[in-house]
Amino acid sequence: MALQRQAASVKQSDPNISLAEIVNICREKNGHTSLMFASLLDKN
């Protein structure tokens, strides 16, 4: 998953992608980060 996030970051910095693609990548990355923190904090 870390490699996928790195690849997404590289794609995100590509000057040839659209704003919509950048927004989509940001949302996906933030969603995965939120899930990771939620799973780390979940004591059940």
Protein backbone atom coordinates (compact mmCIF):
# COMPACT_ATOMS: atom_id res chain seq x y z
CA MET A 1 0.00 0.00 0.00
CA ALA A 2 2.89 2.37 0.72
CA LEU A 3 4.14 1.91 -2.84
CA GLN A 4 0.68 2.68 -4.19
CA ARG A 5 0.56 5.91 -2.17
CA GLN A 6 4.00 6.87 -3.44
CA ALA A 7 2.92 6.21 -7.03
CA ALA A 8 -0.20 8.30 -6.46
CA SER A 9 1.93 11.14 -5.11
CA VAL A 10 4.15 11.03 -8.20
CA LYS A 11 1.10 11.07 -10.46
CA GLN A 12 -0.39 13.90 -8.42
CA SER A 13 2.61 16.11 -9.14
CA ASP A 14 2.43 15.46 -12.91
CA PRO A 15 1.68 18.83 -14.58
CA ASN A 16 -0.34 17.08 -17.31
CA ILE A 17 -3.15 15.67 -15.15
CA SER A 18 -6.42 17.46 -14.60
CA LEU A 19 -7.56 19.19 -11.44
CA ALA A 20 -10.30 16.55 -11.07
CA GLU A 21 -7.66 13.79 -11.07
CA ILE A 22 -5.63 15.65 -8.43
CA VAL A 23 -8.70 16.06 -6.24
CA ASN A 24 -9.57 12.38 -6.66
CA ILE A 25 -6.06 11.30 -5.66
CA CYS A 26 -6.16 13.59 -2.59
CA ARG A 27 -9.51 12.18 -1.49
CA GLU A 28 -8.32 8.61 -1.94
CA LYS A 29 -5.09 9.21 -0.04
CA ASN A 30 -6.88 11.00 2.79
CA GLY A 31 -9.48 8.24 3.01
CA HIS A 32 -6.80 5.58 3.40
CA THR A 33 -5.03 7.68 6.04
CA SER A 34 -8.27 8.10 7.99
CA LEU A 35 -8.94 4.36 7.89
CA MET A 36 -5.40 3.60 9.05
CA PHE A 37 -5.67 5.94 12.05
CA ALA A 38 -9.13 4.62 12.91
CA SER A 39 -7.84 1.05 12.90
CA LEU A 40 -4.87 2.04 15.07
CA LEU A 41 -7.13 3.76 17.60
CA ASP A 42 -9.80 1.05 17.66
CA LYS A 43 -9.26 -0.99 20.82
CA ASN A 44 -11.90 -3.63 20.02
